[in-house]
Protein backbone atom coordinates (compact mmCIF):
# COMPACT_ATOMS: atom_id res chain seq x y z
CA UNK A 1 194.97 73.96 88.77
CA UNK A 2 196.81 72.96 85.26
CA UNK A 3 199.62 74.81 85.23
CA UNK A 4 199.63 77.80 83.08
CA UNK A 5 202.39 80.03 81.64
CA UNK A 6 201.50 83.21 82.57
CA UNK A 7 203.98 84.56 81.28
CA UNK A 8 203.03 82.88 77.71
CA UNK A 9 199.91 83.91 77.81
CA UNK A 10 200.68 87.95 78.81
CA UNK A 11 202.84 87.83 75.92
CA UNK A 12 199.60 86.80 73.35
CA UNK A 13 197.31 89.20 75.03
CA UNK A 14 199.78 92.19 74.61
CA UNK A 15 201.02 91.24 71.37
CA UNK A 16 197.26 91.42 70.06
CA UNK A 17 196.59 94.26 71.84
CA UNK A 18 199.28 95.64 70.20
CA UNK A 19 197.64 95.21 66.62
CA UNK A 20 194.62 96.14 67.53
CA UNK A 21 195.77 99.54 68.48
CA UNK A 22 197.71 99.83 64.50
CA UNK A 23 194.63 98.49 63.15
CA UNK A 24 193.20 101.47 65.42
CA UNK A 25 195.71 103.92 64.42
CA UNK A 26 195.42 102.44 61.04
CA UNK A 27 191.84 103.53 59.99
CA UNK A 28 192.01 106.78 61.91
CA UNK A 29 190.68 108.28 58.26
CA UNK A 30 188.07 106.58 57.61
CA UNK A 31 185.78 107.24 60.67
CA UNK A 32 186.43 110.72 60.19
CA UNK A 33 183.33 112.76 59.49
CA UNK A 34 182.51 112.92 56.13
CA UNK A 35 182.83 116.27 54.02
CA UNK A 36 180.25 117.40 51.94
CA UNK A 37 181.60 119.13 48.46
CA UNK A 38 179.07 118.60 46.65
CA UNK A 39 180.77 119.04 42.91
CA UNK A 40 183.42 116.38 43.15
CA UNK A 41 181.41 113.47 45.69
CA UNK A 42 177.56 112.95 44.36
CA UNK A 43 174.78 111.56 46.78
CA UNK A 44 174.95 108.08 45.95
CA UNK A 45 178.59 108.43 46.31
CA UNK A 46 178.68 110.77 49.99
CA UNK A 47 176.02 108.54 51.73
CA UNK A 48 178.29 105.24 50.40
CA UNK A 49 181.50 107.11 52.33
CA UNK A 50 178.52 107.50 55.30
CA UNK A 51 177.29 104.18 54.94
CA UNK A 52 181.35 103.11 55.29
CA UNK A 53 182.23 105.53 58.21
CA UNK A 54 179.34 104.23 60.23
CA UNK A 55 180.69 100.02 59.69
CA UNK A 56 184.54 101.67 60.67
CA UNK A 57 182.75 103.08 64.01
CA UNK A 58 181.10 99.95 64.96
CA UNK A 59 184.52 98.06 63.78
CA UNK A 60 186.13 100.48 66.01
CA UNK A 61 183.93 100.08 68.93
CA UNK A 62 184.25 96.58 68.94
CA UNK A 63 188.06 97.08 69.07
CA UNK A 64 188.30 99.42 72.26
CA UNK A 65 185.49 96.70 73.44
CA UNK A 66 188.34 94.34 72.69
CA UNK A 67 191.25 95.78 74.29
CA UNK A 68 189.31 96.76 77.20
CA UNK A 69 188.71 92.69 77.89
CA UNK A 70 192.31 91.85 77.28
CA UNK A 71 193.40 94.30 80.02
CA UNK A 72 190.89 93.54 82.64
CA UNK A 73 193.11 90.14 81.77
CA UNK A 74 196.38 91.16 82.25
CA UNK A 75 195.00 92.91 85.09
CA UNK A 76 193.84 89.07 86.47
CA UNK A 77 197.04 87.97 85.54
CA UNK A 78 199.01 90.53 88.24
CA UNK A 79 196.70 89.94 90.48
CA UNK A 80 196.87 86.14 90.35
CA UNK A 81 193.13 85.14 89.62
CA UNK A 82 193.62 84.46 85.42
CA UNK A 83 191.74 81.23 84.81
CA UNK A 84 189.19 80.73 87.38
CA UNK A 85 185.89 81.76 86.50
CA UNK A 86 184.58 85.19 87.79
CA UNK A 87 181.53 84.17 88.34
CA UNK A 88 181.35 80.11 90.28
CA UNK A 89 185.45 80.18 90.63
CA UNK A 90 186.26 76.99 88.48
CA UNK A 91 189.04 76.12 87.12
CA UNK A 92 188.65 78.31 83.31
CA UNK A 93 190.10 74.91 80.46
CA UNK A 94 193.50 75.42 79.47
CA UNK A 95 191.97 74.66 75.75
CA UNK A 96 189.53 77.75 76.62
CA UNK A 97 192.12 79.84 77.31
CA UNK A 98 194.12 78.94 74.05
CA UNK A 99 191.48 79.78 71.85
CA UNK A 100 189.83 83.19 74.24
CA UNK A 101 193.58 84.38 76.53
CA UNK A 102 190.25 87.11 77.48
CA UNK A 103 187.90 84.77 78.35
CA UNK A 104 186.49 85.29 81.84
CA UNK A 105 184.44 82.81 82.21
CA UNK A 106 184.10 78.86 82.57
CA UNK A 107 182.67 77.10 80.14
CA UNK A 108 179.80 75.87 82.55
CA UNK A 109 179.05 80.18 83.19
CA UNK A 110 178.85 81.04 79.39
């Protein structure tokens, strides 16, 4: 296998995980339930707020999926399996890992 700098990829993964956690925390308020205050918010404004909440909930779901994939990549680094396809056990190219350090399949299996 080509030499992979595991410490580099681990630091890149940890940095992305940190950024995702910060984004999740800062967007927490926009995922909160939309309150019913008919005096200050009209029906259309409330519908807009509910739509925004729904979009933020979907975004948070994608963040959580990405965090799970990144955590799995860190576990593969610790286990010594990082850089190998989970399906066929072939090497994953360094360029593919550089593009997405959480990738778990080689280009052929993806």
